[in-house]
Protein backbone atom coordinates (compact mmCIF):
# COMPACT_ATOMS: atom_id res chain seq x y z
CA MET A 1 16.19 -1.00 -28.19
CA ASN A 2 15.05 -0.19 -24.75
CA LYS A 3 18.75 0.79 -23.79
CA ILE A 4 18.94 2.97 -26.90
CA ILE A 5 15.56 4.99 -26.12
CA PHE A 6 16.63 5.20 -22.60
CA PHE A 7 19.86 6.86 -23.49
CA LEU A 8 18.21 9.28 -25.98
CA ALA A 9 15.56 10.07 -23.66
CA CYS A 10 17.89 11.08 -21.05
CA MET A 11 20.12 13.15 -23.33
CA MET A 12 17.23 15.13 -24.72
CA LEU A 13 15.35 15.62 -21.53
CA THR A 14 15.67 19.18 -19.92
CA LEU A 15 13.44 18.50 -16.87
CA SER A 16 13.99 19.52 -13.32
CA SER A 17 14.35 15.86 -12.11
CA CYS A 18 17.48 15.51 -14.48
CA THR A 19 19.17 18.73 -14.43
CA ASN A 20 20.51 21.32 -12.23
CA GLY A 21 18.64 24.21 -13.54
CA PHE A 22 20.36 25.25 -16.78
CA GLU A 23 16.94 25.14 -18.70
CA GLU A 24 16.05 28.37 -16.73
CA ILE A 25 19.09 30.07 -18.11
CA ASN A 26 18.07 29.01 -21.62
CA ARG A 27 14.40 29.54 -21.30
CA ASN A 28 12.75 32.43 -23.38
CA PRO A 29 9.96 34.02 -21.08
CA ASN A 30 8.17 35.55 -24.20
CA SER A 31 8.32 32.09 -26.07
CA PRO A 32 6.18 29.35 -24.11
CA GLU A 33 7.85 25.98 -24.36
CA THR A 34 5.95 22.54 -24.49
CA ILE A 35 7.42 19.22 -23.83
CA GLY A 36 5.60 16.26 -25.40
CA PRO A 37 4.21 13.58 -23.16
CA GLN A 38 6.70 11.08 -24.29
CA PHE A 39 9.45 12.98 -23.08
CA LEU A 40 7.67 13.36 -19.87
CA LEU A 41 7.18 9.68 -19.77
CA SER A 42 10.78 8.72 -20.46
CA ASN A 43 11.87 11.08 -17.72
CA VAL A 44 9.54 9.70 -15.04
CA ILE A 45 10.39 6.14 -15.52
CA SER A 46 14.07 6.59 -15.96
CA VAL A 47 14.49 8.95 -12.79
CA ALA A 48 12.09 6.84 -10.70
CA ALA A 49 13.73 3.72 -11.66
CA ASP A 50 17.52 4.93 -11.01
CA ARG A 51 16.54 6.49 -7.61
CA ASN A 52 14.63 3.43 -6.49
CA ALA A 53 17.72 1.25 -7.53
CA TYR A 54 20.63 3.11 -6.34
CA GLU A 55 20.09 5.82 -4.00
CA GLN A 56 17.49 4.31 -2.27
CA GLY A 57 18.09 0.68 -2.75
CA PHE A 58 21.74 -0.02 -2.83
CA ARG A 59 22.71 2.95 -0.77
CA LEU A 60 20.24 2.98 1.96
CA SER A 61 17.57 -0.13 1.87
CA ASN A 62 20.39 -2.74 1.60
CA TYR A 63 21.36 -1.75 5.18
CA LEU A 64 17.81 -1.71 6.57
CA ALA A 65 17.21 -5.11 4.99
CA GLN A 66 20.56 -6.41 6.08
CA PHE A 67 21.82 -7.05 2.67
CA ALA A 68 24.97 -4.80 3.42
CA ALA A 69 26.87 -4.02 6.59
CA SER A 70 28.89 -0.95 6.94
CA VAL A 71 32.44 -0.83 8.01
CA GLU A 72 32.56 2.82 9.10
CA PHE A 73 30.77 5.76 7.65
CA GLU A 74 27.11 4.45 6.71
CA ARG A 75 25.49 5.34 9.78
CA ILE A 76 22.11 4.08 8.69
CA ASP A 77 23.21 0.66 9.28
CA ARG A 78 23.19 1.82 12.87
CA TYR A 79 19.71 3.33 12.22
CA GLU A 80 20.50 6.86 12.02
CA MET A 81 17.71 7.53 9.72
CA GLY A 82 17.02 11.31 9.15
CA SER A 83 14.36 12.39 7.02
CA ASN A 84 15.37 11.24 3.47
CA SER A 85 14.13 14.52 2.10
CA ASP A 86 15.80 14.44 -1.10
CA TYR A 87 13.78 11.51 -2.09
CA TRP A 88 10.49 13.09 -0.86
CA ASN A 89 11.43 16.08 -3.07
CA THR A 90 12.27 13.98 -6.05
CA ILE A 91 9.07 11.92 -5.86
CA PHE A 92 6.98 15.11 -5.65
CA GLY A 93 8.82 16.60 -8.73
CA LEU A 94 8.07 13.28 -10.62
CA LEU A 95 4.41 13.50 -9.49
CA SER A 96 4.40 16.84 -11.00
CA ASP A 97 5.78 15.55 -14.25
CA ILE A 98 3.23 13.01 -14.46
CA GLU A 99 0.56 15.53 -14.02
CA SER A 100 2.05 17.48 -16.82
CA MET A 101 2.10 14.57 -19.01
CA LYS A 102 -1.51 13.59 -18.53
CA THR A 103 -2.57 17.30 -19.14
CA ASP A 104 -0.36 17.96 -22.13
CA ALA A 105 -2.32 18.51 -25.31
CA ALA A 106 -0.74 15.66 -27.29
CA SER A 107 -1.70 13.21 -24.40
CA ASN A 108 -4.28 10.49 -24.41
CA GLU A 109 -6.06 7.99 -22.22
CA ALA A 110 -3.06 5.52 -22.51
CA TYR A 111 -0.66 8.29 -21.11
CA GLU A 112 -3.02 9.04 -18.57
CA ALA A 113 -3.32 5.24 -17.57
CA VAL A 114 0.35 4.56 -17.56
CA GLY A 115 0.87 7.93 -15.58
CA ASP A 116 -1.52 6.58 -12.95
CA VAL A 117 0.30 3.34 -12.75
CA MET A 118 3.54 5.42 -11.94
CA ARG A 119 1.75 7.77 -9.80
CA SER A 120 0.47 4.86 -7.82
CA PHE A 121 3.92 3.45 -7.23
CA LEU A 122 5.40 6.67 -6.09
CA PHE A 123 2.65 7.41 -3.76
CA SER A 124 2.98 4.02 -2.28
CA GLN A 125 6.74 4.77 -1.76
CA LEU A 126 5.70 7.88 0.13
CA THR A 127 3.06 6.31 2.36
CA ASP A 128 5.32 3.22 3.09
CA MET A 129 8.16 5.31 4.04
CA TRP A 130 6.65 8.22 5.86
CA GLY A 131 3.15 7.10 6.85
CA ASP A 132 0.41 9.66 6.39
CA VAL A 133 1.27 11.96 3.64
CA PRO A 134 -0.09 14.61 1.31
CA TYR A 135 -2.25 12.74 -1.44
CA THR A 136 -5.59 14.25 -2.48
CA ASP A 137 -4.45 17.94 -1.85
CA ALA A 138 -1.11 17.28 -3.33
CA LEU A 139 0.35 18.90 -6.48
CA GLN A 140 -2.20 21.79 -6.12
CA ALA A 141 0.31 24.63 -5.94
CA LYS A 142 -0.92 26.10 -9.38
CA THR A 143 -4.19 26.66 -7.56
CA GLY A 144 -2.59 28.40 -4.56
CA ASN A 145 -2.59 25.26 -2.24
CA PHE A 146 1.01 25.22 -0.58
CA THR A 147 -0.34 23.53 2.69
CA PRO A 148 -1.75 20.21 1.49
CA LYS A 149 -3.43 17.95 4.29
CA TYR A 150 -2.08 14.71 4.95
CA ASP A 151 -4.19 11.84 4.20
CA THR A 152 -4.28 8.73 6.10
CA GLN A 153 -2.27 5.87 5.02
CA GLU A 154 -5.62 3.66 5.07
CA SER A 155 -7.26 6.23 2.87
CA ILE A 156 -4.29 6.57 0.44
CA TYR A 157 -4.66 2.66 -0.21
CA THR A 158 -8.28 1.86 0.18
CA ASP A 159 -10.54 4.92 -0.75
CA PRO A 160 -12.95 3.36 -3.34
CA ASN A 161 -12.31 6.39 -5.65
CA THR A 162 -8.86 7.86 -4.84
CA GLY A 163 -7.12 5.11 -3.29
CA ILE A 164 -4.12 3.45 -4.94
CA LEU A 165 -5.78 0.07 -5.34
CA ALA A 166 -8.85 1.64 -7.25
CA VAL A 167 -6.41 3.79 -9.22
CA LEU A 168 -4.39 0.74 -10.29
CA GLU A 169 -7.54 -1.20 -11.22
CA ARG A 170 -9.06 1.34 -13.47
CA ALA A 171 -5.71 2.01 -15.07
CA ALA A 172 -5.32 -1.66 -15.97
CA ALA A 173 -8.84 -1.76 -17.45
CA THR A 174 -7.93 1.37 -19.45
CA LEU A 175 -4.72 -0.08 -20.72
CA GLU A 176 -6.33 -3.49 -21.48
CA SER A 177 -9.17 -1.88 -23.69
CA THR A 178 -7.89 1.18 -25.15
CA THR A 179 -6.69 1.92 -28.79
CA ALA A 180 -4.53 4.82 -27.92
CA ARG A 181 -0.83 4.48 -28.06
CA ILE A 182 2.26 5.94 -26.26
CA GLN A 183 5.96 6.88 -27.09
CA GLY A 184 8.80 7.29 -24.92
CA ASP A 185 8.43 4.24 -23.03
CA VAL A 186 11.92 3.19 -21.94
CA MET A 187 10.92 0.23 -19.96
CA PHE A 188 8.15 -1.70 -21.92
CA GLY A 189 8.76 -0.38 -25.23
CA ASN A 190 5.39 1.24 -25.53
CA ASP A 191 3.64 -2.15 -24.94
CA LEU A 192 0.38 -1.45 -22.95
CA ASP A 193 -0.13 -5.29 -22.23
CA LYS A 194 3.06 -5.23 -20.08
CA TRP A 195 1.82 -2.17 -18.51
CA ALA A 196 -1.61 -3.48 -17.58
CA ARG A 197 0.04 -6.73 -16.33
CA PHE A 198 2.45 -4.40 -14.11
CA ALA A 199 -0.46 -2.52 -12.70
CA ASN A 200 -2.26 -5.79 -11.59
CA SER A 201 0.78 -7.11 -10.13
CA LEU A 202 1.30 -4.21 -8.14
CA ARG A 203 -2.29 -4.47 -6.90
CA VAL A 204 -1.11 -8.01 -5.53
CA ARG A 205 1.88 -6.44 -3.83
CA TYR A 206 -0.23 -3.89 -2.10
CA LEU A 207 -3.14 -6.04 -1.35
CA LEU A 208 -0.57 -8.14 0.49
CA ARG A 209 0.95 -5.00 2.08
CA ILE A 210 -2.29 -4.11 3.64
CA SER A 211 -3.41 -7.83 4.38
CA LYS A 212 -3.30 -7.26 8.05
CA ARG A 213 -6.14 -4.78 8.00
CA LEU A 214 -8.27 -6.71 5.27
CA THR A 215 -11.16 -9.34 5.92
CA ASP A 216 -12.08 -9.66 2.25
CA PHE A 217 -9.45 -11.15 -0.19
CA SER A 218 -11.96 -11.40 -3.03
CA ALA A 219 -9.76 -8.96 -5.37
CA LEU A 220 -6.81 -11.05 -4.52
CA GLN A 221 -8.26 -14.23 -5.51
CA ALA A 222 -9.70 -12.69 -8.74
CA LEU A 223 -6.30 -11.35 -9.62
CA ALA A 224 -4.64 -14.57 -8.99
CA GLN A 225 -7.25 -16.56 -11.12
CA SER A 226 -7.06 -14.10 -13.86
CA ASP A 227 -4.52 -14.25 -16.70
CA ARG A 228 -3.81 -10.61 -16.37
CA LEU A 229 -0.67 -10.73 -14.15
CA MET A 230 3.00 -10.95 -15.21
CA ARG A 231 3.76 -14.24 -16.94
CA SER A 232 7.53 -14.60 -16.56
CA ASN A 233 10.61 -12.61 -16.29
CA ALA A 234 10.02 -11.23 -19.93
CA ASP A 235 7.32 -9.06 -18.17
CA ASN A 236 9.61 -7.71 -15.54
CA ALA A 237 9.33 -4.03 -14.66
CA VAL A 238 13.03 -3.28 -14.81
CA LEU A 239 15.11 -0.58 -16.69
CA PRO A 240 18.45 -2.01 -17.69
CA TYR A 241 21.42 0.34 -17.05
CA LEU A 242 23.89 1.04 -19.95
CA ASN A 243 27.59 0.29 -20.32
CA ALA A 244 28.42 3.85 -21.56
CA ALA A 245 27.99 7.28 -19.88
CA PRO A 246 25.91 8.95 -18.75
CA ASN A 247 23.45 5.99 -17.89
CA GLN A 248 25.76 3.59 -16.28
CA TRP A 249 25.01 1.65 -12.76
CA PRO A 250 26.36 4.63 -10.58
CA MET A 251 28.23 2.45 -8.17
CA SER A 252 30.38 1.15 -10.99
CA GLN A 253 31.60 4.78 -11.36
CA ALA A 254 31.45 5.82 -7.58
CA ALA A 255 34.62 6.21 -5.38
CA LEU A 256 36.42 2.76 -4.24
CA GLY A 257 35.77 3.56 -0.65
CA LEU A 258 31.97 3.95 -1.16
CA TYR A 259 31.86 0.55 -2.65
CA GLN A 260 34.05 -0.95 0.14
CA GLU A 261 31.68 0.36 2.80
CA HIS A 262 29.04 -2.21 1.45
CA ARG A 263 29.89 -5.77 3.06
CA MET A 264 28.23 -8.85 2.83
CA THR A 265 26.25 -9.45 6.07
CA LYS A 266 26.29 -12.35 8.49
CA THR A 267 22.31 -12.38 7.98
CA VAL A 268 22.85 -13.24 4.35
CA ASP A 269 25.79 -15.28 4.88
CA SER A 270 23.83 -17.72 7.35
CA VAL A 271 20.87 -17.80 5.04
CA LEU A 272 22.74 -18.66 1.65
CA LYS A 273 24.94 -21.03 3.06
CA LEU A 274 22.03 -23.06 4.81
CA TRP A 275 20.75 -23.20 1.44
CA ASP A 276 23.83 -23.91 -0.22
CA ASP A 277 22.73 -21.41 -2.73
CA PRO A 278 24.71 -20.61 -5.93
CA ARG A 279 23.37 -16.91 -5.80
CA ILE A 280 25.88 -16.30 -3.33
CA ALA A 281 28.47 -15.87 -6.03
CA VAL A 282 26.27 -13.53 -8.00
CA PHE A 283 25.53 -11.13 -4.91
CA TYR A 284 28.90 -11.14 -3.40
CA LYS A 285 32.70 -11.83 -3.93
CA PRO A 286 34.88 -14.22 -2.11
CA THR A 287 37.06 -12.45 0.53
CA SER A 288 40.16 -11.42 -0.94
CA LYS A 289 42.11 -12.99 1.99
CA SER A 290 40.66 -16.31 1.14
CA VAL A 291 41.26 -15.88 -2.58
CA SER A 292 45.02 -15.05 -1.83
CA ALA A 293 45.09 -18.27 0.17
CA GLY A 294 43.75 -20.28 -2.68
CA ALA A 295 40.60 -21.19 -1.02
CA PRO A 296 37.91 -18.95 -1.87
CA GLU A 297 35.12 -18.41 0.72
CA PHE A 298 32.35 -15.93 1.48
CA LYS A 299 32.19 -14.35 4.93
CA GLY A 300 29.70 -11.78 6.30
CA LEU A 301 29.83 -8.96 8.88
CA LEU A 302 27.37 -8.39 11.57
CA ASN A 303 25.26 -5.26 11.08
CA GLY A 304 25.28 -2.06 13.17
CA GLN A 305 28.73 -2.02 14.54
CA ASN A 306 31.11 0.92 14.54
CA ARG A 307 34.65 0.76 13.75
CA GLU A 308 36.01 0.69 16.97
CA THR A 309 33.84 -2.68 17.66
CA ILE A 310 34.99 -3.98 14.54
CA SER A 311 38.54 -3.09 15.44
CA ALA A 312 38.36 -4.42 19.10
CA GLN A 313 37.17 -7.73 17.76
CA GLY A 314 40.21 -8.12 15.41
CA ILE A 315 38.18 -8.21 12.30
CA GLU A 316 40.07 -8.32 9.00
CA LEU A 317 38.08 -6.41 6.36
CA SER A 318 40.02 -8.57 3.68
CA ASP A 319 38.50 -11.48 5.24
CA ILE A 320 34.84 -10.00 4.71
CA SER A 321 33.04 -10.14 1.35
CA LEU A 322 32.12 -7.32 -0.87
CA PHE A 323 29.34 -7.10 -3.29
CA GLY A 324 29.84 -9.21 -6.47
CA PRO A 325 31.24 -8.03 -9.95
CA ASN A 326 28.01 -6.79 -11.35
CA TYR A 327 27.45 -4.34 -8.66
CA ARG A 328 30.82 -2.76 -9.12
CA ASP A 329 33.08 -3.98 -11.97
CA VAL A 330 30.44 -4.01 -14.81
CA ALA A 331 28.70 -0.67 -15.78
CA ASP A 332 25.51 -2.53 -16.97
CA GLY A 333 25.76 -5.52 -14.65
CA VAL A 334 22.34 -4.68 -13.05
CA ASP A 335 18.77 -3.32 -13.63
CA ALA A 336 17.10 -0.64 -12.01
CA GLN A 337 14.08 -2.53 -10.76
CA PHE A 338 10.37 -1.85 -9.98
CA MET A 339 9.13 -5.26 -9.71
CA GLN A 340 10.12 -8.90 -10.84
CA TYR A 341 7.80 -11.82 -11.69
CA ALA A 342 9.61 -13.80 -8.91
CA GLU A 343 8.24 -11.26 -6.35
CA LEU A 344 4.80 -11.84 -7.69
CA GLN A 345 5.05 -15.69 -7.35
CA PHE A 346 6.29 -15.44 -3.75
CA ALA A 347 3.32 -13.09 -2.95
CA LEU A 348 1.01 -15.48 -4.25
CA ALA A 349 2.65 -18.35 -2.50
CA GLU A 350 2.29 -16.33 0.69
CA ALA A 351 -1.43 -15.60 0.02
CA ALA A 352 -2.17 -19.16 -0.59
CA ALA A 353 -0.10 -20.39 2.51
CA ARG A 354 -2.10 -17.80 4.64
CA GLY A 355 -5.45 -19.07 3.21
CA TYR A 356 -6.17 -15.70 1.47
CA ILE A 357 -6.45 -17.50 -1.99
CA SER A 358 -6.96 -20.85 -3.24
CA GLY A 359 -4.16 -22.47 -5.11
CA ASP A 360 -1.18 -24.41 -4.43
CA ALA A 361 1.60 -22.42 -2.31
CA ARG A 362 4.28 -24.81 -3.38
CA THR A 363 3.63 -24.31 -7.24
CA TYR A 364 3.79 -20.51 -6.63
CA TYR A 365 6.93 -20.76 -4.51
CA GLU A 366 8.75 -22.91 -6.56
CA ALA A 367 8.05 -20.71 -9.87
CA GLY A 368 9.48 -18.02 -7.68
CA ILE A 369 12.57 -19.57 -6.77
CA ALA A 370 13.09 -20.52 -10.53
CA ALA A 371 12.33 -16.98 -11.81
CA SER A 372 14.84 -15.54 -9.23
CA PHE A 373 17.74 -17.73 -10.41
CA ASP A 374 17.02 -17.32 -13.84
CA TYR A 375 16.92 -13.51 -13.31
CA PHE A 376 20.16 -13.57 -11.52
CA GLU A 377 21.49 -15.86 -14.15
CA ALA A 378 22.64 -18.54 -11.45
CA ASP A 379 22.13 -22.32 -12.15
CA LEU A 380 19.51 -23.90 -10.15
CA PRO A 381 20.69 -27.00 -8.78
CA ALA A 382 18.90 -30.08 -9.58
CA ASP A 383 18.13 -31.17 -6.02
CA TYR A 384 17.66 -27.64 -4.73
CA LEU A 385 13.80 -27.71 -4.27
CA MET A 386 14.20 -30.80 -2.46
CA ARG A 387 16.44 -29.74 0.18
CA PRO A 388 15.11 -29.62 3.86
CA ALA A 389 15.80 -26.00 4.18
CA ILE A 390 14.07 -25.29 0.97
CA THR A 391 11.08 -27.62 0.45
CA LEU A 392 7.54 -26.76 1.63
CA ASP A 393 6.80 -29.75 3.81
CA GLY A 394 4.55 -28.03 6.50
CA SER A 395 7.57 -27.14 8.51
CA ASP A 396 7.55 -23.47 8.98
CA ASP A 397 6.43 -22.98 5.19
CA LEU A 398 5.69 -19.38 5.44
CA THR A 399 9.23 -18.55 6.96
CA LYS A 400 10.63 -20.51 3.75
CA ILE A 401 8.48 -18.42 1.45
CA LEU A 402 9.17 -15.26 2.95
CA THR A 403 12.83 -15.68 3.36
CA GLN A 404 13.18 -16.60 -0.17
CA LYS A 405 11.25 -13.61 -1.30
CA TRP A 406 13.16 -11.41 1.01
CA MET A 407 16.60 -12.65 -1.02
CA SER A 408 14.91 -11.84 -4.20
CA LEU A 409 14.30 -8.39 -3.43
CA ILE A 410 18.05 -7.30 -3.20
CA GLY A 411 18.50 -4.27 -5.04
CA ASN A 412 14.56 -3.53 -5.71
CA GLY A 413 14.61 -0.15 -3.57
CA HIS A 414 13.18 -0.64 -0.06
CA GLU A 415 10.71 -3.50 -1.06
CA ALA A 416 12.39 -6.14 0.96
CA TRP A 417 12.48 -3.50 4.19
CA PHE A 418 8.76 -2.95 3.62
CA ASN A 419 8.08 -6.88 3.63
CA VAL A 420 10.26 -7.28 6.89
CA ARG A 421 8.33 -4.62 8.71
CA ARG A 422 4.94 -6.37 7.68
CA THR A 423 5.96 -9.98 8.37
CA GLY A 424 8.89 -9.86 10.79
CA ILE A 425 10.46 -12.48 8.51
CA PRO A 426 13.41 -12.66 8.32
CA ALA A 427 13.79 -11.77 12.05
CA LEU A 428 16.43 -8.92 11.75
CA LYS A 429 18.05 -7.37 14.92
CA ALA A 430 19.52 -4.25 15.62
CA GLY A 431 23.39 -4.42 15.70
CA PRO A 432 25.34 -3.88 18.89
CA ASP A 433 26.16 -0.14 18.25
CA ASN A 434 22.73 0.96 16.89
CA LEU A 435 21.37 4.26 17.79
CA ASN A 436 17.76 3.39 18.31
CA ASP A 437 17.73 1.66 21.70
CA GLY A 438 17.87 -1.87 20.09
CA ARG A 439 14.64 -1.23 18.11
CA TYR A 440 14.37 -1.82 14.11
CA PRO A 441 13.00 1.08 12.47
CA VAL A 442 9.96 1.35 10.47
CA ARG A 443 9.86 4.85 8.77
CA TYR A 444 11.88 7.91 8.04
CA LEU A 445 11.29 11.16 9.71
CA TYR A 446 9.20 14.00 7.96
CA PRO A 447 11.23 16.39 5.93
CA GLU A 448 12.34 19.58 7.92
CA SER A 449 10.79 21.59 5.21
CA GLU A 450 7.22 20.18 6.15
CA GLN A 451 7.79 21.19 9.57
CA ALA A 452 8.45 24.85 8.63
CA THR A 453 6.11 25.41 5.76
CA ASN A 454 3.24 23.16 6.32
CA SER A 455 3.22 22.93 10.27
CA ALA A 456 -0.54 22.58 11.20
CA ASN A 457 -0.86 19.55 8.84
CA TYR A 458 2.49 17.92 9.76
CA GLN A 459 1.56 18.26 13.49
CA GLN A 460 -1.75 16.53 13.01
CA ALA A 461 -0.16 13.90 10.86
CA ALA A 462 2.42 13.37 13.54
CA SER A 463 0.03 13.23 16.35
CA ARG A 464 -2.08 10.46 14.54
CA MET A 465 1.08 8.43 14.40
CA GLU A 466 1.89 9.00 18.00
CA GLY A 467 4.72 11.09 16.99
CA ASP A 468 7.27 11.92 14.18
CA ASN A 469 10.01 9.30 14.98
CA ILE A 470 11.46 6.39 13.18
CA ASN A 471 9.56 3.82 15.35
CA SER A 472 6.11 5.14 14.80
CA LYS A 473 4.33 2.31 12.89
CA GLY A 474 1.94 2.94 10.09
CA TRP A 475 -1.60 1.74 9.54
CA TRP A 476 -0.75 -1.24 7.67
CA GLU A 477 1.71 -2.66 10.00
CA LYS A 478 0.07 -2.19 13.33
């Protein structure tokens, strides 16, 4: 049912986020048009999910998190980051759609709360990718404010009235108590209970995100003890791609050369082989050379190499693994993800291991592993949880938890990159031909348009961050 709604919604929408402006041609300026909140909601979910999964996740973050290595053209693998301004503009466009949905005459408190959940997710993307960004003054162009101030990352997350954590808490409370209803929800089928659980699970994500800056973990403890979090993979915040146009997994329709740029990495190769992990056959393909020889095997490529280095080493690309069939050969082989139950369980395992909450880290950890295997439709070996490289035995438990979490986040936007930046696990290293003086990047540059049209606020924000460069750490990771 979700897939049908998703298809119909995107066929019907005539919003800027999904079109190239053709609506301007067909609009009668003397006949004001309205778009119901259900269509605005469909648009926000579907566009945000697709951008997070493909453009940002597969095309960009897979290199930063070292799930993919480039063989020639994808210079982000060598840390040529740029500004990623298209995503900045897309997010602000979606935030504008959310405001329109919340203020629509047919809206209600349920639409408003769901809008606040998506708004919080989108603003977290902005601040975690760029640092200080317009927040409380954002989206005020209608009132004549075209130069919004940049809020600090600290206030964006923690302000008791306007911060992301406070907004999510209020949204969850509303969703749990309201009698209002919504339509157009292509992710949860208009199930407000699942939206409330998603909101609370995002609170866990973001409380851990800023955990280096916290001294009071009572909110995290209360969430862990509540029954208001995701309960299983059935509550996953994911949107399936379809097996028919126009809503197929984009890589399944992309040029072959683009797909062939994305290779298994030595990082993943070493981890999954150490674990003897069957998910390797879900994420990647055996090398074509090994298949032809009748002895299929997986092999990774070192990140951050240019084509001259690869050639000089005599590396045969036929002997390097590509991404698995679900990422190329099946139009509906993957979902567009916001958050999985597995991530939540690994987050709680980390919190318990660090002493932020009571509870058994092993129980959470093993639930996360089981959920990840289930989600990716891989068989969990009977002895897997007892293997020395896997089991929590007091020997480097945090590394085991965070590495499993990292692997489970493949394809989920920039989430794995955010976690690596926060924890340093896994210990990802810049490749030999990197363009960042051997450093691991922690942000994108501010869009050039901000420098041109909002210069004073841009300069102030850049100064607070000790410069607009890809190595300037944000508040939560310092």
